[in-house]
PDB file of N, CA and C in Angstrom:
ATOM      1  N   MET A   1      -5.173 -15.123  -5.782  1.00  0.00           N
ATOM      2  CA  MET A   1      -4.132 -14.144  -6.023  1.00  0.00           C
ATOM      3  C   MET A   1      -4.748 -12.890  -6.637  1.00  0.00           C
ATOM      4  N   SER A   2      -4.375 -11.738  -6.127  1.00  0.00           N
ATOM      5  CA  SER A   2      -4.935 -10.489  -6.627  1.00  0.00           C
ATOM      6  C   SER A   2      -4.204 -10.051  -7.893  1.00  0.00           C
ATOM      7  N   PRO A   3      -4.890  -9.282  -8.745  1.00  0.00           N
ATOM      8  CA  PRO A   3      -4.231  -8.801  -9.955  1.00  0.00           C
ATOM      9  C   PRO A   3      -3.101  -7.837  -9.612  1.00  0.00           C
ATOM     10  N   ALA A   4      -2.174  -7.689 -10.532  1.00  0.00           N
ATOM     11  CA  ALA A   4      -1.024  -6.808 -10.317  1.00  0.00           C
ATOM     12  C   ALA A   4      -1.493  -5.357 -10.217  1.00  0.00           C
ATOM     13  N   VAL A   5      -0.816  -4.610  -9.381  1.00  0.00           N
ATOM     14  CA  VAL A   5      -1.110  -3.191  -9.230  1.00  0.00           C
ATOM     15  C   VAL A   5      -0.470  -2.460 -10.402  1.00  0.00           C
ATOM     16  N   PRO A   6      -1.262  -1.699 -11.165  1.00  0.00           N
ATOM     17  CA  PRO A   6      -0.693  -1.009 -12.330  1.00  0.00           C
ATOM     18  C   PRO A   6       0.264   0.100 -11.918  1.00  0.00           C
ATOM     19  N   THR A   7       1.252   0.329 -12.746  1.00  0.00           N
ATOM     20  CA  THR A   7       2.192   1.421 -12.528  1.00  0.00           C
ATOM     21  C   THR A   7       1.916   2.506 -13.552  1.00  0.00           C
ATOM     22  N   LYS A   8       2.461   3.682 -13.309  1.00  0.00           N
ATOM     23  CA  LYS A   8       2.192   4.797 -14.220  1.00  0.00           C
ATOM     24  C   LYS A   8       2.914   4.611 -15.541  1.00  0.00           C
ATOM     25  N   ARG A   9       2.328   5.214 -16.560  1.00  0.00           N
ATOM     26  CA  ARG A   9       2.892   5.206 -17.904  1.00  0.00           C
ATOM     27  C   ARG A   9       3.151   6.641 -18.337  1.00  0.00           C
ATOM     28  N   ALA A  10       3.627   6.812 -19.547  1.00  0.00           N
ATOM     29  CA  ALA A  10       3.887   8.161 -20.074  1.00  0.00           C
ATOM     30  C   ALA A  10       2.606   8.986 -20.015  1.00  0.00           C
ATOM     31  N   GLY A  11       2.719  10.210 -19.558  1.00  0.00           N
ATOM     32  CA  GLY A  11       1.570  11.097 -19.467  1.00  0.00           C
ATOM     33  C   GLY A  11       0.769  10.949 -18.192  1.00  0.00           C
ATOM     34  N   GLN A  12       1.215  10.055 -17.300  1.00  0.00           N
ATOM     35  CA  GLN A  12       0.506   9.817 -16.049  1.00  0.00           C
ATOM     36  C   GLN A  12       1.377  10.197 -14.859  1.00  0.00           C
ATOM     37  N   GLU A  13       0.717  10.537 -13.756  1.00  0.00           N
ATOM     38  CA  GLU A  13       1.394  10.814 -12.490  1.00  0.00           C
ATOM     39  C   GLU A  13       0.531  10.279 -11.361  1.00  0.00           C
ATOM     40  N   TYR A  14       1.172  10.031 -10.227  1.00  0.00           N
ATOM     41  CA  TYR A  14       0.444   9.669  -9.029  1.00  0.00           C
ATOM     42  C   TYR A  14      -0.012  10.936  -8.336  1.00  0.00           C
ATOM     43  N   GLY A  15      -1.103  10.843  -7.598  1.00  0.00           N
ATOM     44  CA  GLY A  15      -1.599  11.994  -6.863  1.00  0.00           C
ATOM     45  C   GLY A  15      -2.407  11.548  -5.661  1.00  0.00           C
ATOM     46  N   VAL A  16      -2.829  12.536  -4.876  1.00  0.00           N
ATOM     47  CA  VAL A  16      -3.666  12.279  -3.715  1.00  0.00           C
ATOM     48  C   VAL A  16      -4.835  13.259  -3.763  1.00  0.00           C
ATOM     49  N   ILE A  17      -6.034  12.757  -3.507  1.00  0.00           N
ATOM     50  CA  ILE A  17      -7.222  13.601  -3.536  1.00  0.00           C
ATOM     51  C   ILE A  17      -7.218  14.525  -2.332  1.00  0.00           C
ATOM     52  N   ARG A  18      -7.342  15.823  -2.590  1.00  0.00           N
ATOM     53  CA  ARG A  18      -7.347  16.842  -1.535  1.00  0.00           C
ATOM     54  C   ARG A  18      -8.768  17.253  -1.152  1.00  0.00           C
ATOM     55  N   SER A  19      -9.655  17.405  -2.156  1.00  0.00           N
ATOM     56  CA  SER A  19     -11.030  17.804  -1.852  1.00  0.00           C
ATOM     57  C   SER A  19     -11.934  17.486  -3.035  1.00  0.00           C
ATOM     58  N   PHE A  20     -13.234  17.471  -2.739  1.00  0.00           N
ATOM     59  CA  PHE A  20     -14.256  17.236  -3.752  1.00  0.00           C
ATOM     60  C   PHE A  20     -14.796  18.579  -4.198  1.00  0.00           C
ATOM     61  N   LEU A  21     -14.823  18.825  -5.516  1.00  0.00           N
ATOM     62  CA  LEU A  21     -15.289  20.097  -6.055  1.00  0.00           C
ATOM     63  C   LEU A  21     -16.715  20.021  -6.602  1.00  0.00           C
ATOM     64  N   GLY A  22     -17.240  18.822  -6.779  1.00  0.00           N
ATOM     65  CA  GLY A  22     -18.581  18.632  -7.324  1.00  0.00           C
ATOM     66  C   GLY A  22     -18.542  18.175  -8.767  1.00  0.00           C
ATOM     67  N   ASN A  23     -19.622  17.521  -9.190  1.00  0.00           N
ATOM     68  CA  ASN A  23     -19.774  17.045 -10.577  1.00  0.00           C
ATOM     69  C   ASN A  23     -18.622  16.156 -11.033  1.00  0.00           C
ATOM     70  N   GLY A  24     -18.143  15.272 -10.162  1.00  0.00           N
ATOM     71  CA  GLY A  24     -17.069  14.349 -10.536  1.00  0.00           C
ATOM     72  C   GLY A  24     -15.704  14.989 -10.643  1.00  0.00           C
ATOM     73  N   ARG A  25     -15.557  16.208 -10.100  1.00  0.00           N
ATOM     74  CA  ARG A  25     -14.276  16.920 -10.155  1.00  0.00           C
ATOM     75  C   ARG A  25     -13.662  16.961  -8.765  1.00  0.00           C
ATOM     76  N   TYR A  26     -12.337  16.802  -8.729  1.00  0.00           N
ATOM     77  CA  TYR A  26     -11.597  16.759  -7.476  1.00  0.00           C
ATOM     78  C   TYR A  26     -10.358  17.632  -7.562  1.00  0.00           C
ATOM     79  N   LYS A  27      -9.977  18.183  -6.441  1.00  0.00           N
ATOM     80  CA  LYS A  27      -8.690  18.861  -6.350  1.00  0.00           C
ATOM     81  C   LYS A  27      -7.686  17.768  -5.994  1.00  0.00           C
ATOM     82  N   VAL A  28      -6.653  17.611  -6.828  1.00  0.00           N
ATOM     83  CA  VAL A  28      -5.673  16.538  -6.677  1.00  0.00           C
ATOM     84  C   VAL A  28      -4.280  17.139  -6.563  1.00  0.00           C
ATOM     85  N   GLN A  29      -3.532  16.704  -5.553  1.00  0.00           N
ATOM     86  CA  GLN A  29      -2.126  17.094  -5.462  1.00  0.00           C
ATOM     87  C   GLN A  29      -1.307  16.052  -6.190  1.00  0.00           C
ATOM     88  N   VAL A  30      -0.634  16.470  -7.241  1.00  0.00           N
ATOM     89  CA  VAL A  30       0.227  15.568  -8.005  1.00  0.00           C
ATOM     90  C   VAL A  30       1.518  15.367  -7.229  1.00  0.00           C
ATOM     91  N   ILE A  31       1.960  14.115  -7.154  1.00  0.00           N
ATOM     92  CA  ILE A  31       3.185  13.755  -6.437  1.00  0.00           C
ATOM     93  C   ILE A  31       4.202  13.287  -7.468  1.00  0.00           C
ATOM     94  N   PRO A  32       5.004  14.198  -8.013  1.00  0.00           N
ATOM     95  CA  PRO A  32       6.003  13.781  -8.996  1.00  0.00           C
ATOM     96  C   PRO A  32       7.006  12.822  -8.346  1.00  0.00           C
ATOM     97  N   THR A  33       7.281  11.732  -9.013  1.00  0.00           N
ATOM     98  CA  THR A  33       8.186  10.733  -8.446  1.00  0.00           C
ATOM     99  C   THR A  33       9.558  10.752  -9.091  1.00  0.00           C
ATOM    100  N   ASP A  34       9.765  11.637 -10.069  1.00  0.00           N
ATOM    101  CA  ASP A  34      11.065  11.682 -10.733  1.00  0.00           C
ATOM    102  C   ASP A  34      12.012  12.695 -10.112  1.00  0.00           C
ATOM    103  N   GLY A  35      11.507  13.514  -9.178  1.00  0.00           N
ATOM    104  CA  GLY A  35      12.357  14.477  -8.494  1.00  0.00           C
ATOM    105  C   GLY A  35      12.659  15.722  -9.300  1.00  0.00           C
ATOM    106  N   SER A  36      12.168  15.811 -10.536  1.00  0.00           N
ATOM    107  CA  SER A  36      12.511  16.957 -11.372  1.00  0.00           C
ATOM    108  C   SER A  36      11.543  18.124 -11.209  1.00  0.00           C
ATOM    109  N   THR A  37      10.362  17.861 -10.666  1.00  0.00           N
ATOM    110  CA  THR A  37       9.384  18.928 -10.479  1.00  0.00           C
ATOM    111  C   THR A  37       8.835  18.890  -9.062  1.00  0.00           C
ATOM    112  N   LYS A  38       8.304  20.016  -8.625  1.00  0.00           N
ATOM    113  CA  LYS A  38       7.686  20.117  -7.307  1.00  0.00           C
ATOM    114  C   LYS A  38       6.249  19.619  -7.390  1.00  0.00           C
ATOM    115  N   PRO A  39       5.689  19.214  -6.242  1.00  0.00           N
ATOM    116  CA  PRO A  39       4.266  18.862  -6.238  1.00  0.00           C
ATOM    117  C   PRO A  39       3.426  20.069  -6.656  1.00  0.00           C
ATOM    118  N   TYR A  40       2.283  19.819  -7.268  1.00  0.00           N
ATOM    119  CA  TYR A  40       1.391  20.894  -7.674  1.00  0.00           C
ATOM    120  C   TYR A  40      -0.044  20.394  -7.661  1.00  0.00           C
ATOM    121  N   ILE A  41      -0.985  21.336  -7.714  1.00  0.00           N
ATOM    122  CA  ILE A  41      -2.407  21.026  -7.621  1.00  0.00           C
ATOM    123  C   ILE A  41      -3.037  21.084  -9.010  1.00  0.00           C
ATOM    124  N   VAL A  42      -3.894  20.099  -9.316  1.00  0.00           N
ATOM    125  CA  VAL A  42      -4.654  20.098 -10.560  1.00  0.00           C
ATOM    126  C   VAL A  42      -6.111  19.783 -10.239  1.00  0.00           C
ATOM    127  N   VAL A  43      -6.982  20.014 -11.196  1.00  0.00           N
ATOM    128  CA  VAL A  43      -8.365  19.577 -11.100  1.00  0.00           C
ATOM    129  C   VAL A  43      -8.449  18.254 -11.845  1.00  0.00           C
ATOM    130  N   GLY A  44      -8.849  17.204 -11.134  1.00  0.00           N
ATOM    131  CA  GLY A  44      -8.985  15.890 -11.737  1.00  0.00           C
ATOM    132  C   GLY A  44     -10.444  15.553 -11.945  1.00  0.00           C
ATOM    133  N   VAL A  45     -10.760  14.982 -13.090  1.00  0.00           N
ATOM    134  CA  VAL A  45     -12.119  14.578 -13.409  1.00  0.00           C
ATOM    135  C   VAL A  45     -12.176  13.059 -13.366  1.00  0.00           C
ATOM    136  N   LEU A  46     -13.113  12.553 -12.588  1.00  0.00           N
ATOM    137  CA  LEU A  46     -13.298  11.113 -12.464  1.00  0.00           C
ATOM    138  C   LEU A  46     -14.428  10.704 -13.397  1.00  0.00           C
ATOM    139  N   LEU A  47     -14.109   9.926 -14.436  1.00  0.00           N
ATOM    140  CA  LEU A  47     -15.104   9.561 -15.439  1.00  0.00           C
ATOM    141  C   LEU A  47     -15.976   8.401 -14.998  1.00  0.00           C
ATOM    142  N   ASN A  48     -15.435   7.473 -14.228  1.00  0.00           N
ATOM    143  CA  ASN A  48     -16.189   6.317 -13.763  1.00  0.00           C
ATOM    144  C   ASN A  48     -16.656   6.562 -12.335  1.00  0.00           C
ATOM    145  N   LEU A  49     -17.850   6.111 -12.032  1.00  0.00           N
ATOM    146  CA  LEU A  49     -18.396   6.277 -10.693  1.00  0.00           C
ATOM    147  C   LEU A  49     -17.691   5.309  -9.742  1.00  0.00           C
ATOM    148  N   VAL A  50     -16.781   5.850  -8.959  1.00  0.00           N
ATOM    149  CA  VAL A  50     -16.006   5.056  -8.009  1.00  0.00           C
ATOM    150  C   VAL A  50     -16.022   5.806  -6.688  1.00  0.00           C
ATOM    151  N   ARG A  51     -16.199   5.094  -5.597  1.00  0.00           N
ATOM    152  CA  ARG A  51     -16.192   5.745  -4.286  1.00  0.00           C
ATOM    153  C   ARG A  51     -14.787   6.254  -3.986  1.00  0.00           C
ATOM    154  N   THR A  52     -14.702   7.523  -3.632  1.00  0.00           N
ATOM    155  CA  THR A  52     -13.422   8.139  -3.292  1.00  0.00           C
ATOM    156  C   THR A  52     -13.572   8.945  -2.023  1.00  0.00           C
ATOM    157  N   THR A  53     -12.459   9.121  -1.330  1.00  0.00           N
ATOM    158  CA  THR A  53     -12.437   9.969  -0.146  1.00  0.00           C
ATOM    159  C   THR A  53     -11.169  10.815  -0.190  1.00  0.00           C
ATOM    160  N   VAL A  54     -11.198  11.894   0.566  1.00  0.00           N
ATOM    161  CA  VAL A  54     -10.002  12.733   0.681  1.00  0.00           C
ATOM    162  C   VAL A  54      -8.880  11.867   1.224  1.00  0.00           C
ATOM    163  N   GLY A  55      -7.710  11.963   0.604  1.00  0.00           N
ATOM    164  CA  GLY A  55      -6.557  11.164   1.013  1.00  0.00           C
ATOM    165  C   GLY A  55      -6.318   9.941   0.165  1.00  0.00           C
ATOM    166  N   ASP A  56      -7.262   9.593  -0.714  1.00  0.00           N
ATOM    167  CA  ASP A  56      -7.060   8.441  -1.599  1.00  0.00           C
ATOM    168  C   ASP A  56      -5.951   8.746  -2.600  1.00  0.00           C
ATOM    169  N   PHE A  57      -5.136   7.731  -2.880  1.00  0.00           N
ATOM    170  CA  PHE A  57      -4.123   7.850  -3.925  1.00  0.00           C
ATOM    171  C   PHE A  57      -4.767   7.529  -5.260  1.00  0.00           C
ATOM    172  N   VAL A  58      -4.381   8.297  -6.284  1.00  0.00           N
ATOM    173  CA  VAL A  58      -4.968   8.128  -7.616  1.00  0.00           C
ATOM    174  C   VAL A  58      -3.877   8.176  -8.672  1.00  0.00           C
ATOM    175  N   LEU A  59      -4.233   7.724  -9.847  1.00  0.00           N
ATOM    176  CA  LEU A  59      -3.384   7.836 -11.020  1.00  0.00           C
ATOM    177  C   LEU A  59      -4.100   8.798 -11.963  1.00  0.00           C
ATOM    178  N   VAL A  60      -3.408   9.859 -12.364  1.00  0.00           N
ATOM    179  CA  VAL A  60      -4.016  10.850 -13.242  1.00  0.00           C
ATOM    180  C   VAL A  60      -3.308  10.863 -14.587  1.00  0.00           C
ATOM    181  N   PHE A  61      -4.082  11.151 -15.625  1.00  0.00           N
ATOM    182  CA  PHE A  61      -3.566  11.222 -16.989  1.00  0.00           C
ATOM    183  C   PHE A  61      -3.712  12.648 -17.486  1.00  0.00           C
ATOM    184  N   PHE A  62      -2.648  13.156 -18.078  1.00  0.00           N
ATOM    185  CA  PHE A  62      -2.640  14.502 -18.643  1.00  0.00           C
ATOM    186  C   PHE A  62      -2.692  14.408 -20.158  1.00  0.00           C
ATOM    187  N   ARG A  63      -3.692  15.057 -20.754  1.00  0.00           N
ATOM    188  CA  ARG A  63      -3.752  15.112 -22.217  1.00  0.00           C
ATOM    189  C   ARG A  63      -2.646  16.000 -22.757  1.00  0.00           C
ATOM    190  N   GLU A  64      -2.321  17.056 -21.987  1.00  0.00           N
ATOM    191  CA  GLU A  64      -1.247  17.969 -22.357  1.00  0.00           C
ATOM    192  C   GLU A  64      -0.281  18.064 -21.183  1.00  0.00           C
ATOM    193  N   PRO A  65       1.027  18.024 -21.423  1.00  0.00           N
ATOM    194  CA  PRO A  65       1.991  18.140 -20.325  1.00  0.00           C
ATOM    195  C   PRO A  65       1.811  19.450 -19.562  1.00  0.00           C
ATOM    196  N   LYS A  66       1.995  19.383 -18.254  1.00  0.00           N
ATOM    197  CA  LYS A  66       1.914  20.546 -17.352  1.00  0.00           C
ATOM    198  C   LYS A  66       0.546  21.218 -17.352  1.00  0.00           C
ATOM    199  N   SER A  67      -0.469  20.520 -17.794  1.00  0.00           N
ATOM    200  CA  SER A  67      -1.821  21.052 -17.765  1.00  0.00           C
ATOM    201  C   SER A  67      -2.303  21.110 -16.312  1.00  0.00           C
ATOM    202  N   LYS A  68      -3.237  21.978 -16.031  1.00  0.00           N
ATOM    203  CA  LYS A  68      -3.832  22.069 -14.694  1.00  0.00           C
ATOM    204  C   LYS A  68      -5.101  21.237 -14.597  1.00  0.00           C
ATOM    205  N   GLU A  69      -5.391  20.478 -15.651  1.00  0.00           N
ATOM    206  CA  GLU A  69      -6.529  19.579 -15.651  1.00  0.00           C
ATOM    207  C   GLU A  69      -6.066  18.188 -16.050  1.00  0.00           C
ATOM    208  N   ALA A  70      -6.662  17.189 -15.400  1.00  0.00           N
ATOM    209  CA  ALA A  70      -6.261  15.808 -15.649  1.00  0.00           C
ATOM    210  C   ALA A  70      -7.480  14.900 -15.528  1.00  0.00           C
ATOM    211  N   ILE A  71      -7.336  13.687 -16.010  1.00  0.00           N
ATOM    212  CA  ILE A  71      -8.372  12.669 -15.868  1.00  0.00           C
ATOM    213  C   ILE A  71      -7.884  11.653 -14.848  1.00  0.00           C
ATOM    214  N   ILE A  72      -8.709  11.380 -13.862  1.00  0.00           N
ATOM    215  CA  ILE A  72      -8.365  10.360 -12.863  1.00  0.00           C
ATOM    216  C   ILE A  72      -8.690   9.010 -13.487  1.00  0.00           C
ATOM    217  N   THR A  73      -7.647   8.217 -13.728  1.00  0.00           N
ATOM    218  CA  THR A  73      -7.843   6.940 -14.409  1.00  0.00           C
ATOM    219  C   THR A  73      -7.918   5.758 -13.449  1.00  0.00           C
ATOM    220  N   ARG A  74      -7.451   5.971 -12.216  1.00  0.00           N
ATOM    221  CA  ARG A  74      -7.458   4.866 -11.248  1.00  0.00           C
ATOM    222  C   ARG A  74      -7.476   5.426  -9.837  1.00  0.00           C
ATOM    223  N   VAL A  75      -8.314   4.846  -8.987  1.00  0.00           N
ATOM    224  CA  VAL A  75      -8.302   5.137  -7.555  1.00  0.00           C
ATOM    225  C   VAL A  75      -7.744   3.888  -6.885  1.00  0.00           C
ATOM    226  N   PHE A  76      -6.628   4.038  -6.172  1.00  0.00           N
ATOM    227  CA  PHE A  76      -5.982   2.891  -5.546  1.00  0.00           C
ATOM    228  C   PHE A  76      -6.591   2.595  -4.181  1.00  0.00           C
ATOM    229  N   SER A  77      -6.762   1.317  -3.890  1.00  0.00           N
ATOM    230  CA  SER A  77      -7.174   0.908  -2.549  1.00  0.00           C
ATOM    231  C   SER A  77      -5.992   1.120  -1.603  1.00  0.00           C
ATOM    232  N   ARG A  78      -6.242   1.057  -0.313  1.00  0.00           N
ATOM    233  CA  ARG A  78      -5.151   1.213   0.663  1.00  0.00           C
ATOM    234  C   ARG A  78      -4.087   0.128   0.457  1.00  0.00           C
ATOM    235  N   ALA A  79      -4.524  -1.104   0.174  1.00  0.00           N
ATOM    236  CA  ALA A  79      -3.579  -2.199  -0.046  1.00  0.00           C
ATOM    237  C   ALA A  79      -2.734  -1.955  -1.300  1.00  0.00           C
ATOM    238  N   GLU A  80      -3.362  -1.458  -2.368  1.00  0.00           N
ATOM    239  CA  GLU A  80      -2.620  -1.169  -3.601  1.00  0.00           C
ATOM    240  C   GLU A  80      -1.622  -0.033  -3.379  1.00  0.00           C
ATOM    241  N   ALA A  81      -2.032   0.998  -2.627  1.00  0.00           N
ATOM    242  CA  ALA A  81      -1.121   2.104  -2.328  1.00  0.00           C
ATOM    243  C   ALA A  81       0.078   1.596  -1.538  1.00  0.00           C
ATOM    244  N   GLU A  82      -0.135   0.681  -0.615  1.00  0.00           N
ATOM    245  CA  GLU A  82       0.966   0.125   0.171  1.00  0.00           C
ATOM    246  C   GLU A  82       1.935  -0.649  -0.722  1.00  0.00           C
ATOM    247  N   VAL A  83       1.416  -1.364  -1.723  1.00  0.00           N
ATOM    248  CA  VAL A  83       2.276  -2.066  -2.682  1.00  0.00           C
ATOM    249  C   VAL A  83       3.142  -1.056  -3.431  1.00  0.00           C
ATOM    250  N   LEU A  84       2.529   0.050  -3.882  1.00  0.00           N
ATOM    251  CA  LEU A  84       3.292   1.081  -4.595  1.00  0.00           C
ATOM    252  C   LEU A  84       4.347   1.717  -3.695  1.00  0.00           C
ATOM    253  N   ILE A  85       4.032   1.919  -2.433  1.00  0.00           N
ATOM    254  CA  ILE A  85       5.008   2.461  -1.477  1.00  0.00           C
ATOM    255  C   ILE A  85       6.154   1.477  -1.282  1.00  0.00           C
ATOM    256  N   ASN A  86       5.831   0.211  -1.127  1.00  0.00           N
ATOM    257  CA  ASN A  86       6.873  -0.807  -0.931  1.00  0.00           C
ATOM    258  C   ASN A  86       7.760  -0.966  -2.164  1.00  0.00           C
ATOM    259  N   ARG A  87       7.205  -0.700  -3.349  1.00  0.00           N
ATOM    260  CA  ARG A  87       7.999  -0.752  -4.591  1.00  0.00           C
ATOM    261  C   ARG A  87       8.718   0.572  -4.856  1.00  0.00           C
ATOM    262  N   ALA A  88       8.590   1.523  -3.932  1.00  0.00           N
ATOM    263  CA  ALA A  88       9.215   2.851  -4.025  1.00  0.00           C
ATOM    264  C   ALA A  88       8.702   3.652  -5.219  1.00  0.00           C
ATOM    265  N   GLU A  89       7.476   3.391  -5.655  1.00  0.00           N
ATOM    266  CA  GLU A  89       6.872   4.177  -6.711  1.00  0.00           C
ATOM    267  C   GLU A  89       6.109   5.367  -6.130  1.00  0.00           C
ATOM    268  N   LEU A  90       5.695   5.250  -4.887  1.00  0.00           N
ATOM    269  CA  LEU A  90       5.081   6.340  -4.144  1.00  0.00           C
ATOM    270  C   LEU A  90       5.921   6.591  -2.902  1.00  0.00           C
ATOM    271  N   PRO A  91       6.094   7.857  -2.513  1.00  0.00           N
ATOM    272  CA  PRO A  91       6.849   8.113  -1.280  1.00  0.00           C
ATOM    273  C   PRO A  91       6.006   7.749  -0.063  1.00  0.00           C
ATOM    274  N   ARG A  92       6.653   7.253   0.971  1.00  0.00           N
ATOM    275  CA  ARG A  92       5.943   6.933   2.206  1.00  0.00           C
ATOM    276  C   ARG A  92       5.458   8.204   2.882  1.00  0.00           C
ATOM    277  N   HIS A  93       6.261   9.263   2.798  1.00  0.00           N
ATOM    278  CA  HIS A  93       5.909  10.553   3.395  1.00  0.00           C
ATOM    279  C   HIS A  93       6.086  11.644   2.349  1.00  0.00           C
ATOM    280  N   PHE A  94       5.175  12.586   2.348  1.00  0.00           N
ATOM    281  CA  PHE A  94       5.286  13.753   1.481  1.00  0.00           C
ATOM    282  C   PHE A  94       4.525  14.883   2.141  1.00  0.00           C
ATOM    283  N   ASP A  95       4.875  16.103   1.778  1.00  0.00           N
ATOM    284  CA  ASP A  95       4.224  17.285   2.349  1.00  0.00           C
ATOM    285  C   ASP A  95       3.052  17.702   1.485  1.00  0.00           C
ATOM    286  N   LEU A  96       1.960  18.058   2.161  1.00  0.00           N
ATOM    287  CA  LEU A  96       0.844  18.662   1.442  1.00  0.00           C
ATOM    288  C   LEU A  96       1.199  20.116   1.185  1.00  0.00           C
ATOM    289  N   ILE A  97       0.883  20.588   0.019  1.00  0.00           N
ATOM    290  CA  ILE A  97       1.182  21.977  -0.329  1.00  0.00           C
ATOM    291  C   ILE A  97      -0.091  22.797  -0.227  1.00  0.00           C
ATOM    292  N   SER A  98       0.052  24.112  -0.210  1.00  0.00           N
ATOM    293  CA  SER A  98      -1.119  24.973  -0.132  1.00  0.00           C
ATOM    294  C   SER A  98      -1.890  24.893  -1.443  1.00  0.00           C
ATOM    295  N   ASP A  99      -3.164  25.175  -1.368  1.00  0.00           N
ATOM    296  CA  ASP A  99      -4.013  25.114  -2.559  1.00  0.00           C
ATOM    297  C   ASP A  99      -3.709  26.227  -3.545  1.00  0.00           C
ATOM    298  N   ASP A 100      -2.898  27.192  -3.161  1.00  0.00           N
ATOM    299  CA  ASP A 100      -2.569  28.311  -4.041  1.00  0.00           C
ATOM    300  C   ASP A 100      -1.531  27.946  -5.093  1.00  0.00           C
ATOM    301  N   ASN A 101      -0.822  26.820  -4.929  1.00  0.00           N
ATOM    302  CA  ASN A 101       0.251  26.441  -5.869  1.00  0.00           C
ATOM    303  C   ASN A 101      -0.311  25.906  -7.157  1.00  0.00           C
TER     304      ASN A 101
END
């Protein structure tokens, strides 16, 4: 039996990796799941060496609310992302926004 897929906590949001910026930094589109805010782009820093690709779902932590910088705390496997989608914690479909937002 596989371990439970973690869900977000206070100060965390789900996101998707848009591009690699270098030095463990990624452009991440945050996918707000509460419906109160629009998606937006942040720079996410990955502290642990984990293989990532564009399109991977991640969990990001914000030290300060509405900051444009975040720490990537988890990279979800495709199977884990599907569990989150089935639990309605991640949307099955969402629009990518321009990098200018």
